[in-house]
């Protein structure tokens, strides 16, 4: 006869069997254990003190006849009649005894179910504000904010200052006392002369030797570098659009001119 190896009991897991646990020790038992431990320690200390100088008495190292491993002494003690920590609960239902009807299918109309659910549902009004804000009744409605007006005014002033007409007016109006505006031809001629001088100084600077062994060569190199930096500053100063020149020479220059050299 043919026997099937499949079984429902292979799918259903058996319930977990809990091992019986020994009850925890009571307060009196814990106290008795502590007292016995302390007394044992005191007896050992007294025995050691008695044999501290002359050694232990004879026959002390002999093993005790009563202390031997007894049968089933290391096995756990099972207490019968004790209530377990967890009760046995039936986790799975029993296997149905009636045979299922072949071909029975439960037909569900999900569209109709969803429609009925949406019809009977209510909207979530928890996030809707209770009172609507009306911004058109504000005083600042339809007006530009203050920060935008200030920025627009600043940009307009900047454009006005950067215009060529304003620059020409500012250049014409910069008449300080005791100064005059440098002529364009004079400025260009002075700049060309400075550039020629810079080219001549740079050519002599390039002709210096690479290895500077002597102190005089080092001093000459430093002198050339100072002259070149000074000439570059003068050229950048003369490249401005408006240059004011003092009518009278500075006091330092007048002193050098007036004082005779001995």
Protein backbone atom coordinates (compact mmCIF):
# COMPACT_ATOMS: atom_id res chain seq x y z
CA UNK A 1 0.00 0.00 0.00
CA UNK A 2 1.25 3.46 -0.95
CA UNK A 3 2.07 5.75 1.98
CA UNK A 4 2.62 9.51 1.63
CA UNK A 5 5.61 10.97 3.49
CA UNK A 6 3.91 14.38 3.74
CA UNK A 7 2.22 15.25 7.01
CA UNK A 8 0.65 18.35 8.55
CA UNK A 9 2.54 17.73 11.77
CA UNK A 10 5.81 18.46 9.96
CA UNK A 11 4.62 22.02 9.26
CA UNK A 12 3.29 22.64 12.79
CA UNK A 13 6.17 23.17 15.18
CA UNK A 14 5.96 21.35 18.50
CA UNK A 15 5.50 23.51 21.60
CA UNK A 16 8.66 24.49 23.46
CA UNK A 17 9.23 22.31 26.52
CA UNK A 18 10.33 24.35 29.54
CA UNK A 19 12.70 22.73 32.00
CA UNK A 20 11.66 22.81 35.66
CA UNK A 21 13.51 25.36 37.71
CA UNK A 22 14.53 25.11 41.32
CA UNK A 23 12.91 27.74 43.57
CA UNK A 24 15.11 30.66 44.60
CA UNK A 25 16.62 30.49 48.10
CA UNK A 26 14.68 32.18 50.87
CA UNK A 27 16.05 34.97 53.08
CA UNK A 28 16.66 32.58 55.98
CA UNK A 29 18.63 30.18 53.77
CA UNK A 30 20.80 33.01 52.42
CA UNK A 31 21.44 34.22 55.98
CA UNK A 32 22.39 30.71 57.15
CA UNK A 33 24.82 30.33 54.22
CA UNK A 34 26.52 33.61 55.07
CA UNK A 35 26.81 32.67 58.74
CA UNK A 36 28.27 29.25 57.84
CA UNK A 37 30.79 30.88 55.50
CA UNK A 38 31.91 33.38 58.14
CA UNK A 39 32.26 30.68 60.81
CA UNK A 40 34.26 28.49 58.40
CA UNK A 41 36.61 31.38 57.67
CA UNK A 42 37.08 32.15 61.39
CA UNK A 43 37.84 28.51 62.19
CA UNK A 44 40.44 28.40 59.40
CA UNK A 45 42.06 31.60 60.70
CA UNK A 46 42.20 30.22 64.25
CA UNK A 47 43.71 26.95 62.98
CA UNK A 48 46.36 28.84 61.00
CA UNK A 49 47.19 31.10 63.93
CA UNK A 50 47.62 28.11 66.25
CA UNK A 51 50.17 26.57 63.84
CA UNK A 52 51.85 29.85 62.82
CA UNK A 53 55.17 29.27 64.63
CA UNK A 54 55.56 25.51 65.11
CA UNK A 55 53.81 24.33 61.97
CA UNK A 56 50.65 22.28 61.53
CA UNK A 57 50.08 19.30 63.81
CA UNK A 58 50.83 15.77 62.66
CA UNK A 59 48.24 14.05 60.54
CA UNK A 60 46.76 17.35 59.35
CA UNK A 61 47.58 16.74 55.69
CA UNK A 62 45.81 13.36 55.66
CA UNK A 63 42.64 13.32 53.53
CA UNK A 64 39.32 13.21 55.37
CA UNK A 65 37.46 9.91 55.06
CA UNK A 66 34.04 11.57 54.97
CA UNK A 67 34.81 13.95 52.08
CA UNK A 68 34.37 11.79 48.96
CA UNK A 69 32.33 12.14 45.76
CA UNK A 70 28.93 10.59 46.31
CA UNK A 71 26.63 9.07 43.73
CA UNK A 72 24.35 11.53 41.82
CA UNK A 73 25.75 14.44 43.87
CA UNK A 74 26.39 16.68 40.81
CA UNK A 75 23.00 16.07 39.16
CA UNK A 76 20.31 18.81 39.46
CA UNK A 77 17.69 18.21 42.09
CA UNK A 78 14.15 18.04 40.63
CA UNK A 79 11.43 19.20 42.98
CA UNK A 80 8.13 17.52 42.14
CA UNK A 81 4.79 19.11 42.81
CA UNK A 82 6.15 22.62 42.28
CA UNK A 83 4.28 25.11 40.10
CA UNK A 84 6.10 25.91 36.87
CA UNK A 85 7.09 29.42 35.90
CA UNK A 86 5.08 29.35 32.66
CA UNK A 87 1.89 27.52 31.85
CA UNK A 88 1.46 25.44 28.74
CA UNK A 89 -0.55 27.47 26.21
CA UNK A 90 -1.88 25.99 23.03
CA UNK A 91 -0.21 27.96 20.27
CA UNK A 92 -1.80 26.49 17.13
CA UNK A 93 -5.39 25.38 16.45
CA UNK A 94 -6.24 21.78 15.83
CA UNK A 95 -6.17 20.35 12.34
CA UNK A 96 -9.71 20.44 10.88
CA UNK A 97 -11.25 17.00 10.57
CA UNK A 98 -13.71 17.85 7.77
CA UNK A 99 -12.45 17.57 4.23
CA UNK A 100 -12.23 20.88 2.33
CA UNK A 101 -14.54 21.40 -0.64
CA UNK A 102 -12.56 21.41 -3.87
CA UNK A 103 -13.02 24.44 -6.19
CA UNK A 104 -14.57 26.87 -3.68
CA UNK A 105 -13.23 30.44 -4.26
CA UNK A 106 -14.26 33.58 -2.38
CA UNK A 107 -14.85 36.36 -4.91
CA UNK A 108 -14.27 39.91 -3.63
CA UNK A 109 -15.12 43.09 -5.55
CA UNK A 110 -12.26 45.37 -4.50
CA UNK A 111 -13.52 48.33 -6.57
CA UNK A 112 -16.87 48.29 -4.78
CA UNK A 113 -15.16 47.89 -1.41
CA UNK A 114 -12.86 50.87 -2.04
CA UNK A 115 -15.80 52.99 -3.22
CA UNK A 116 -17.81 52.19 -0.09
CA UNK A 117 -14.80 52.92 2.12
CA UNK A 118 -14.22 56.32 0.48
CA UNK A 119 -17.94 57.24 0.66
CA UNK A 120 -18.24 56.50 4.38
CA UNK A 121 -14.83 58.02 5.31
CA UNK A 122 -14.50 61.55 6.73
CA UNK A 123 -11.81 64.10 5.81
CA UNK A 124 -8.93 64.73 8.21
CA UNK A 125 -9.41 68.29 9.49
CA UNK A 126 -6.72 68.20 12.18
CA UNK A 127 -4.13 70.13 10.08
CA UNK A 128 -6.55 72.79 8.74
CA UNK A 129 -6.22 76.14 10.57
CA UNK A 130 -9.27 77.19 12.49
CA UNK A 131 -9.21 80.81 11.26
CA UNK A 132 -8.03 81.76 7.77
CA UNK A 133 -5.61 84.67 7.45
CA UNK A 134 -6.63 87.53 5.20
CA UNK A 135 -3.50 89.27 4.02
CA UNK A 136 -5.35 91.91 1.96
CA UNK A 137 -6.45 93.69 5.15
CA UNK A 138 -2.88 94.25 6.30
CA UNK A 139 -1.39 97.76 6.23
CA UNK A 140 1.60 96.64 4.14
CA UNK A 141 -0.50 94.82 1.54
CA UNK A 142 0.61 95.66 -2.03
CA UNK A 143 3.67 97.64 -0.85
CA UNK A 144 7.35 96.87 -1.25
CA UNK A 145 9.12 95.84 1.96
CA UNK A 146 11.55 98.24 3.58
CA UNK A 147 14.67 96.21 2.84
CA UNK A 148 13.86 96.17 -0.91
CA UNK A 149 13.37 99.95 -1.05
CA UNK A 150 16.67 100.56 0.73
CA UNK A 151 18.53 98.19 -1.58
CA UNK A 152 17.01 99.79 -4.67
CA UNK A 153 17.98 103.24 -3.43
CA UNK A 154 21.57 102.09 -2.71
CA UNK A 155 21.94 100.53 -6.17
CA UNK A 156 20.58 103.69 -7.84
CA UNK A 157 23.03 105.90 -5.90
CA UNK A 158 25.91 103.61 -6.81
CA UNK A 159 25.01 103.73 -10.53
CA UNK A 160 24.78 107.51 -10.36
CA UNK A 161 28.22 107.78 -8.74
CA UNK A 162 29.79 105.40 -11.26
CA UNK A 163 28.44 107.33 -14.26
CA UNK A 164 31.07 109.20 -16.35
CA UNK A 165 29.32 112.55 -15.86
CA UNK A 166 29.54 112.32 -12.08
CA UNK A 167 33.20 111.27 -12.30
CA UNK A 168 34.00 114.26 -14.52
CA UNK A 169 32.21 116.60 -12.09
CA UNK A 170 34.09 115.14 -9.12
CA UNK A 171 37.39 115.48 -10.98
CA UNK A 172 36.64 119.10 -11.87
CA UNK A 173 35.49 119.94 -8.34
CA UNK A 174 38.55 118.53 -6.52
CA UNK A 175 40.34 121.90 -6.17
CA UNK A 176 42.09 121.81 -2.82
CA UNK A 177 43.91 124.82 -1.42
CA UNK A 178 47.51 125.10 -2.66
CA UNK A 179 47.15 122.34 -5.27
CA UNK A 180 46.61 122.12 -8.98
CA UNK A 181 45.53 119.38 -11.35
CA UNK A 182 48.36 117.75 -13.33
CA UNK A 183 48.14 118.30 -17.07
CA UNK A 184 47.54 115.24 -19.24
CA UNK A 185 50.56 115.86 -21.48
CA UNK A 186 52.81 116.41 -18.49
CA UNK A 187 51.51 113.22 -16.88
CA UNK A 188 52.11 111.14 -20.04
CA UNK A 189 55.62 112.53 -20.53
CA UNK A 190 56.53 111.83 -16.88
CA UNK A 191 55.14 108.29 -17.14
CA UNK A 192 57.10 107.58 -20.34
CA UNK A 193 60.31 108.89 -18.72
CA UNK A 194 59.74 106.67 -15.67
CA UNK A 195 59.10 103.63 -17.90
CA UNK A 196 62.32 104.27 -19.84
CA UNK A 197 64.24 104.60 -16.58
CA UNK A 198 62.69 101.34 -15.31
CA UNK A 199 63.72 99.56 -18.54
CA UNK A 200 67.30 100.83 -18.24
CA UNK A 201 67.50 99.79 -14.53
CA UNK A 202 66.02 96.38 -15.29
CA UNK A 203 68.54 95.79 -18.12
CA UNK A 204 71.46 96.55 -15.80
CA UNK A 205 69.88 94.36 -13.12
CA UNK A 206 69.63 91.45 -15.57
CA UNK A 207 73.33 91.78 -16.45
CA UNK A 208 74.37 90.94 -12.88
CA UNK A 209 76.11 87.61 -12.28
CA UNK A 210 74.09 84.72 -10.92
CA UNK A 211 76.57 83.81 -8.17
CA UNK A 212 76.86 86.70 -5.70
CA UNK A 213 80.01 85.90 -3.76
CA UNK A 214 81.12 89.43 -2.83
CA UNK A 215 79.31 91.81 -0.49
CA UNK A 216 79.46 94.59 -3.08
CA UNK A 217 77.53 92.41 -5.57
CA UNK A 218 74.86 91.70 -2.96
CA UNK A 219 74.54 95.42 -2.14
CA UNK A 220 74.25 96.27 -5.84
CA UNK A 221 71.48 93.70 -6.28
CA UNK A 222 69.54 95.10 -3.33
CA UNK A 223 69.95 98.65 -4.69
CA UNK A 224 68.60 97.66 -8.10
CA UNK A 225 65.57 95.90 -6.54
CA UNK A 226 64.73 98.97 -4.42
CA UNK A 227 64.95 101.26 -7.44
CA UNK A 228 62.71 98.97 -9.51
CA UNK A 229 60.01 98.78 -6.78
CA UNK A 230 60.10 102.59 -6.35
CA UNK A 231 59.74 103.16 -10.10
CA UNK A 232 56.81 100.71 -10.29
CA UNK A 233 55.02 102.59 -7.47
CA UNK A 234 55.57 105.92 -9.25
CA UNK A 235 54.20 104.54 -12.53
CA UNK A 236 51.09 103.15 -10.76
CA UNK A 237 50.59 106.55 -9.08
CA UNK A 238 50.82 108.42 -12.41
CA UNK A 239 48.37 105.99 -14.05
CA UNK A 240 45.46 107.55 -12.13
CA UNK A 241 43.00 109.80 -13.95
CA UNK A 242 43.17 112.74 -11.52
CA UNK A 243 46.50 113.74 -9.95
CA UNK A 244 46.85 116.78 -7.69
CA UNK A 245 50.22 118.54 -7.49
CA UNK A 246 51.20 120.96 -4.72
CA UNK A 247 52.34 124.43 -5.80
CA UNK A 248 54.97 124.68 -3.05
CA UNK A 249 57.58 122.03 -2.39
CA UNK A 250 57.44 120.08 0.91
CA UNK A 251 59.33 121.40 3.90
CA UNK A 252 61.87 118.58 3.77
CA UNK A 253 62.74 119.33 0.14
CA UNK A 254 62.95 123.09 0.80
CA UNK A 255 65.30 122.47 3.72
CA UNK A 256 67.57 120.32 1.55
CA UNK A 257 67.58 122.97 -1.22
CA UNK A 258 68.12 126.01 1.01
CA UNK A 259 70.77 124.54 3.35
CA UNK A 260 74.25 124.85 1.77
CA UNK A 261 76.50 121.79 1.71
CA UNK A 262 79.85 122.15 3.52
